[in-house]
């Protein structure tokens, strides 16, 4: 699974805290650079149509935002 995060956004930090509390590990963290507008690009919009972080991409290709 991949978790798309942004270092300056508060919501990905909350998700990471809950993952640690639940003992869930083994996620690949993918940093999305908000300053470079990576979240507005076509590649990220294909995963998260509203261009928001965090987004969790499951092993079967589904994405939870």
PDB file of N, CA and C in Angstrom:
ATOM      1  N   UNK A   1       0.837  -1.175   0.000  1.00  0.00           N
ATOM      2  CA  UNK A   1       0.000   0.000   0.000  1.00  0.00           C
ATOM      3  C   UNK A   1       0.883   1.240   0.000  1.00  0.00           C
ATOM      4  N   UNK A   2       0.349   2.291  -0.597  1.00  0.00           N
ATOM      5  CA  UNK A   2       1.065   3.564  -0.642  1.00  0.00           C
ATOM      6  C   UNK A   2       0.201   4.628   0.019  1.00  0.00           C
ATOM      7  N   UNK A   3       0.848   5.456   0.823  1.00  0.00           N
ATOM      8  CA  UNK A   3       0.173   6.584   1.437  1.00  0.00           C
ATOM      9  C   UNK A   3       0.808   7.849   0.894  1.00  0.00           C
ATOM     10  N   UNK A   4       0.005   8.635   0.186  1.00  0.00           N
ATOM     11  CA  UNK A   4       0.477   9.896  -0.378  1.00  0.00           C
ATOM     12  C   UNK A   4       0.297  10.978   0.682  1.00  0.00           C
ATOM     13  N   UNK A   5       1.406  11.618   1.057  1.00  0.00           N
ATOM     14  CA  UNK A   5       1.400  12.602   2.136  1.00  0.00           C
ATOM     15  C   UNK A   5       2.097  13.881   1.670  1.00  0.00           C
ATOM     16  N   UNK A   6       1.873  14.942   2.427  1.00  0.00           N
ATOM     17  CA  UNK A   6       2.569  16.212   2.212  1.00  0.00           C
ATOM     18  C   UNK A   6       3.080  16.668   3.570  1.00  0.00           C
ATOM     19  N   UNK A   7       4.319  17.075   3.612  1.00  0.00           N
ATOM     20  CA  UNK A   7       4.958  17.371   4.894  1.00  0.00           C
ATOM     21  C   UNK A   7       4.317  18.541   5.635  1.00  0.00           C
ATOM     22  N   UNK A   8       3.766  19.503   4.942  1.00  0.00           N
ATOM     23  CA  UNK A   8       3.230  20.675   5.644  1.00  0.00           C
ATOM     24  C   UNK A   8       1.721  20.614   5.869  1.00  0.00           C
ATOM     25  N   UNK A   9       1.074  19.572   5.399  1.00  0.00           N
ATOM     26  CA  UNK A   9      -0.376  19.453   5.565  1.00  0.00           C
ATOM     27  C   UNK A   9      -0.707  18.741   6.873  1.00  0.00           C
ATOM     28  N   UNK A  10      -1.715  19.207   7.608  1.00  0.00           N
ATOM     29  CA  UNK A  10      -2.030  18.603   8.903  1.00  0.00           C
ATOM     30  C   UNK A  10      -2.738  17.250   8.813  1.00  0.00           C
ATOM     31  N   UNK A  11      -3.551  17.031   7.821  1.00  0.00           N
ATOM     32  CA  UNK A  11      -4.313  15.782   7.744  1.00  0.00           C
ATOM     33  C   UNK A  11      -3.433  14.546   7.572  1.00  0.00           C
ATOM     34  N   UNK A  12      -2.398  14.575   6.726  1.00  0.00           N
ATOM     35  CA  UNK A  12      -1.525  13.398   6.656  1.00  0.00           C
ATOM     36  C   UNK A  12      -0.831  13.089   7.976  1.00  0.00           C
ATOM     37  N   UNK A  13      -0.510  14.109   8.750  1.00  0.00           N
ATOM     38  CA  UNK A  13       0.107  13.873  10.068  1.00  0.00           C
ATOM     39  C   UNK A  13      -0.852  13.136  10.982  1.00  0.00           C
ATOM     40  N   UNK A  14      -2.135  13.513  10.929  1.00  0.00           N
ATOM     41  CA  UNK A  14      -3.133  12.823  11.751  1.00  0.00           C
ATOM     42  C   UNK A  14      -3.257  11.363  11.341  1.00  0.00           C
ATOM     43  N   UNK A  15      -3.276  11.110  10.043  1.00  0.00           N
ATOM     44  CA  UNK A  15      -3.373   9.732   9.558  1.00  0.00           C
ATOM     45  C   UNK A  15      -2.163   8.933  10.015  1.00  0.00           C
ATOM     46  N   UNK A  16      -0.985   9.512   9.927  1.00  0.00           N
ATOM     47  CA  UNK A  16       0.225   8.814  10.367  1.00  0.00           C
ATOM     48  C   UNK A  16       0.188   8.510  11.861  1.00  0.00           C
ATOM     49  N   UNK A  17      -0.343   9.434  12.663  1.00  0.00           N
ATOM     50  CA  UNK A  17      -0.454   9.186  14.099  1.00  0.00           C
ATOM     51  C   UNK A  17      -1.387   8.012  14.379  1.00  0.00           C
ATOM     52  N   UNK A  18      -2.519   7.947  13.681  1.00  0.00           N
ATOM     53  CA  UNK A  18      -3.452   6.844  13.893  1.00  0.00           C
ATOM     54  C   UNK A  18      -2.863   5.524  13.424  1.00  0.00           C
ATOM     55  N   UNK A  19      -2.103   5.538  12.339  1.00  0.00           N
ATOM     56  CA  UNK A  19      -1.461   4.315  11.869  1.00  0.00           C
ATOM     57  C   UNK A  19      -0.466   3.788  12.896  1.00  0.00           C
ATOM     58  N   UNK A  20       0.278   4.702  13.516  1.00  0.00           N
ATOM     59  CA  UNK A  20       1.231   4.295  14.552  1.00  0.00           C
ATOM     60  C   UNK A  20       0.484   3.736  15.759  1.00  0.00           C
ATOM     61  N   UNK A  21      -0.598   4.396  16.161  1.00  0.00           N
ATOM     62  CA  UNK A  21      -1.374   3.919  17.308  1.00  0.00           C
ATOM     63  C   UNK A  21      -1.947   2.526  17.061  1.00  0.00           C
ATOM     64  N   UNK A  22      -2.375   2.256  15.845  1.00  0.00           N
ATOM     65  CA  UNK A  22      -2.961   0.962  15.498  1.00  0.00           C
ATOM     66  C   UNK A  22      -1.904  -0.101  15.195  1.00  0.00           C
ATOM     67  N   UNK A  23      -0.654   0.312  15.108  1.00  0.00           N
ATOM     68  CA  UNK A  23       0.413  -0.641  14.831  1.00  0.00           C
ATOM     69  C   UNK A  23       0.488  -1.079  13.387  1.00  0.00           C
ATOM     70  N   UNK A  24      -0.027  -0.258  12.498  1.00  0.00           N
ATOM     71  CA  UNK A  24       0.005  -0.569  11.063  1.00  0.00           C
ATOM     72  C   UNK A  24       1.301  -0.037  10.492  1.00  0.00           C
ATOM     73  N   UNK A  25       2.080  -0.912   9.887  1.00  0.00           N
ATOM     74  CA  UNK A  25       3.338  -0.480   9.277  1.00  0.00           C
ATOM     75  C   UNK A  25       3.493  -1.164   7.926  1.00  0.00           C
ATOM     76  N   UNK A  26       4.562  -0.870   7.255  1.00  0.00           N
ATOM     77  CA  UNK A  26       4.806  -1.452   5.943  1.00  0.00           C
ATOM     78  C   UNK A  26       4.217  -0.644   4.801  1.00  0.00           C
ATOM     79  N   UNK A  27       3.779   0.571   5.077  1.00  0.00           N
ATOM     80  CA  UNK A  27       3.256   1.432   4.020  1.00  0.00           C
ATOM     81  C   UNK A  27       4.401   2.164   3.338  1.00  0.00           C
ATOM     82  N   UNK A  28       4.284   2.335   2.046  1.00  0.00           N
ATOM     83  CA  UNK A  28       5.232   3.173   1.317  1.00  0.00           C
ATOM     84  C   UNK A  28       4.704   4.601   1.369  1.00  0.00           C
ATOM     85  N   UNK A  29       5.488   5.517   1.939  1.00  0.00           N
ATOM     86  CA  UNK A  29       5.094   6.920   1.995  1.00  0.00           C
ATOM     87  C   UNK A  29       5.601   7.627   0.746  1.00  0.00           C
ATOM     88  N   UNK A  30       4.683   8.254   0.046  1.00  0.00           N
ATOM     89  CA  UNK A  30       5.021   8.994  -1.167  1.00  0.00           C
ATOM     90  C   UNK A  30       4.759  10.468  -0.879  1.00  0.00           C
ATOM     91  N   UNK A  31       5.810  11.267  -0.932  1.00  0.00           N
ATOM     92  CA  UNK A  31       5.683  12.691  -0.633  1.00  0.00           C
ATOM     93  C   UNK A  31       5.156  13.438  -1.855  1.00  0.00           C
ATOM     94  N   UNK A  32       4.118  14.236  -1.630  1.00  0.00           N
ATOM     95  CA  UNK A  32       3.532  15.074  -2.676  1.00  0.00           C
ATOM     96  C   UNK A  32       3.938  16.511  -2.355  1.00  0.00           C
ATOM     97  N   UNK A  33       4.651  17.146  -3.263  1.00  0.00           N
ATOM     98  CA  UNK A  33       5.138  18.510  -3.041  1.00  0.00           C
ATOM     99  C   UNK A  33       4.035  19.507  -3.386  1.00  0.00           C
ATOM    100  N   UNK A  34       3.437  20.084  -2.355  1.00  0.00           N
ATOM    101  CA  UNK A  34       2.353  21.041  -2.574  1.00  0.00           C
ATOM    102  C   UNK A  34       2.863  22.343  -3.182  1.00  0.00           C
ATOM    103  N   UNK A  35       4.091  22.727  -2.845  1.00  0.00           N
ATOM    104  CA  UNK A  35       4.656  23.964  -3.405  1.00  0.00           C
ATOM    105  C   UNK A  35       4.852  23.859  -4.915  1.00  0.00           C
ATOM    106  N   UNK A  36       5.192  22.672  -5.397  1.00  0.00           N
ATOM    107  CA  UNK A  36       5.389  22.464  -6.834  1.00  0.00           C
ATOM    108  C   UNK A  36       4.083  22.099  -7.537  1.00  0.00           C
ATOM    109  N   UNK A  37       2.981  22.114  -6.783  1.00  0.00           N
ATOM    110  CA  UNK A  37       1.640  21.795  -7.302  1.00  0.00           C
ATOM    111  C   UNK A  37       1.542  20.388  -7.880  1.00  0.00           C
ATOM    112  N   UNK A  38       2.280  19.455  -7.291  1.00  0.00           N
ATOM    113  CA  UNK A  38       2.196  18.063  -7.741  1.00  0.00           C
ATOM    114  C   UNK A  38       0.788  17.503  -7.556  1.00  0.00           C
ATOM    115  N   UNK A  39       0.077  17.990  -6.549  1.00  0.00           N
ATOM    116  CA  UNK A  39      -1.272  17.487  -6.294  1.00  0.00           C
ATOM    117  C   UNK A  39      -2.264  17.935  -7.369  1.00  0.00           C
ATOM    118  N   UNK A  40      -1.910  18.909  -8.156  1.00  0.00           N
ATOM    119  CA  UNK A  40      -2.777  19.387  -9.235  1.00  0.00           C
ATOM    120  C   UNK A  40      -2.457  18.725 -10.575  1.00  0.00           C
ATOM    121  N   UNK A  41      -1.407  17.919 -10.630  1.00  0.00           N
ATOM    122  CA  UNK A  41      -1.000  17.270 -11.874  1.00  0.00           C
ATOM    123  C   UNK A  41      -1.928  16.119 -12.247  1.00  0.00           C
ATOM    124  N   UNK A  42      -1.872  15.742 -13.521  1.00  0.00           N
ATOM    125  CA  UNK A  42      -2.749  14.685 -14.033  1.00  0.00           C
ATOM    126  C   UNK A  42      -2.495  13.340 -13.367  1.00  0.00           C
ATOM    127  N   UNK A  43      -1.242  13.033 -13.068  1.00  0.00           N
ATOM    128  CA  UNK A  43      -0.917  11.732 -12.467  1.00  0.00           C
ATOM    129  C   UNK A  43      -1.544  11.602 -11.078  1.00  0.00           C
ATOM    130  N   UNK A  44      -1.484  12.657 -10.281  1.00  0.00           N
ATOM    131  CA  UNK A  44      -2.076  12.578  -8.946  1.00  0.00           C
ATOM    132  C   UNK A  44      -3.594  12.700  -9.004  1.00  0.00           C
ATOM    133  N   UNK A  45      -4.091  13.509  -9.918  1.00  0.00           N
ATOM    134  CA  UNK A  45      -5.543  13.652 -10.061  1.00  0.00           C
ATOM    135  C   UNK A  45      -6.204  12.356 -10.501  1.00  0.00           C
ATOM    136  N   UNK A  46      -5.466  11.485 -11.174  1.00  0.00           N
ATOM    137  CA  UNK A  46      -6.018  10.185 -11.546  1.00  0.00           C
ATOM    138  C   UNK A  46      -6.272   9.346 -10.291  1.00  0.00           C
ATOM    139  N   UNK A  47      -5.501   9.579  -9.253  1.00  0.00           N
ATOM    140  CA  UNK A  47      -5.670   8.851  -7.993  1.00  0.00           C
ATOM    141  C   UNK A  47      -6.647   9.567  -7.059  1.00  0.00           C
ATOM    142  N   UNK A  48      -6.536  10.869  -6.976  1.00  0.00           N
ATOM    143  CA  UNK A  48      -7.372  11.674  -6.094  1.00  0.00           C
ATOM    144  C   UNK A  48      -7.987  12.817  -6.904  1.00  0.00           C
ATOM    145  N   UNK A  49      -9.194  12.624  -7.425  1.00  0.00           N
ATOM    146  CA  UNK A  49      -9.797  13.636  -8.306  1.00  0.00           C
ATOM    147  C   UNK A  49      -9.936  15.021  -7.678  1.00  0.00           C
ATOM    148  N   UNK A  50     -10.070  15.100  -6.361  1.00  0.00           N
ATOM    149  CA  UNK A  50     -10.197  16.398  -5.705  1.00  0.00           C
ATOM    150  C   UNK A  50      -8.849  16.999  -5.341  1.00  0.00           C
ATOM    151  N   UNK A  51      -7.763  16.292  -5.666  1.00  0.00           N
ATOM    152  CA  UNK A  51      -6.388  16.769  -5.460  1.00  0.00           C
ATOM    153  C   UNK A  51      -6.084  17.058  -3.995  1.00  0.00           C
ATOM    154  N   UNK A  52      -6.524  16.170  -3.117  1.00  0.00           N
ATOM    155  CA  UNK A  52      -6.285  16.359  -1.687  1.00  0.00           C
ATOM    156  C   UNK A  52      -5.358  15.273  -1.161  1.00  0.00           C
ATOM    157  N   UNK A  53      -4.608  15.609  -0.128  1.00  0.00           N
ATOM    158  CA  UNK A  53      -3.794  14.635   0.577  1.00  0.00           C
ATOM    159  C   UNK A  53      -4.358  14.501   1.980  1.00  0.00           C
ATOM    160  N   UNK A  54      -4.282  13.378   2.612  1.00  0.00           N
ATOM    161  CA  UNK A  54      -3.636  12.147   2.190  1.00  0.00           C
ATOM    162  C   UNK A  54      -4.530  11.307   1.282  1.00  0.00           C
ATOM    163  N   UNK A  55      -3.904  10.386   0.596  1.00  0.00           N
ATOM    164  CA  UNK A  55      -4.612   9.398  -0.208  1.00  0.00           C
ATOM    165  C   UNK A  55      -3.924   8.057   0.024  1.00  0.00           C
ATOM    166  N   UNK A  56      -4.719   7.040   0.267  1.00  0.00           N
ATOM    167  CA  UNK A  56      -4.189   5.706   0.514  1.00  0.00           C
ATOM    168  C   UNK A  56      -4.514   4.831  -0.684  1.00  0.00           C
ATOM    169  N   UNK A  57      -3.463   4.379  -1.372  1.00  0.00           N
ATOM    170  CA  UNK A  57      -3.639   3.492  -2.522  1.00  0.00           C
ATOM    171  C   UNK A  57      -3.456   2.059  -2.041  1.00  0.00           C
ATOM    172  N   UNK A  58      -4.508   1.273  -2.151  1.00  0.00           N
ATOM    173  CA  UNK A  58      -4.477  -0.115  -1.712  1.00  0.00           C
ATOM    174  C   UNK A  58      -3.766  -0.975  -2.745  1.00  0.00           C
ATOM    175  N   UNK A  59      -3.429  -2.202  -2.346  1.00  0.00           N
ATOM    176  CA  UNK A  59      -2.698  -3.099  -3.232  1.00  0.00           C
ATOM    177  C   UNK A  59      -3.486  -3.461  -4.484  1.00  0.00           C
ATOM    178  N   UNK A  60      -4.806  -3.431  -4.407  1.00  0.00           N
ATOM    179  CA  UNK A  60      -5.616  -3.782  -5.579  1.00  0.00           C
ATOM    180  C   UNK A  60      -5.888  -2.579  -6.492  1.00  0.00           C
ATOM    181  N   UNK A  61      -5.309  -1.421  -6.180  1.00  0.00           N
ATOM    182  CA  UNK A  61      -5.434  -0.244  -7.039  1.00  0.00           C
ATOM    183  C   UNK A  61      -6.480   0.760  -6.595  1.00  0.00           C
ATOM    184  N   UNK A  62      -7.345   0.387  -5.666  1.00  0.00           N
ATOM    185  CA  UNK A  62      -8.326   1.348  -5.169  1.00  0.00           C
ATOM    186  C   UNK A  62      -7.631   2.414  -4.334  1.00  0.00           C
ATOM    187  N   UNK A  63      -8.213   3.619  -4.347  1.00  0.00           N
ATOM    188  CA  UNK A  63      -7.634   4.744  -3.611  1.00  0.00           C
ATOM    189  C   UNK A  63      -8.675   5.315  -2.674  1.00  0.00           C
ATOM    190  N   UNK A  64      -8.301   5.449  -1.403  1.00  0.00           N
ATOM    191  CA  UNK A  64      -9.155   6.071  -0.399  1.00  0.00           C
ATOM    192  C   UNK A  64      -8.620   7.470  -0.107  1.00  0.00           C
ATOM    193  N   UNK A  65      -9.517   8.457  -0.180  1.00  0.00           N
ATOM    194  CA  UNK A  65      -9.093   9.829   0.090  1.00  0.00           C
ATOM    195  C   UNK A  65      -9.889  10.404   1.239  1.00  0.00           C
TER     196      UNK A  65
END
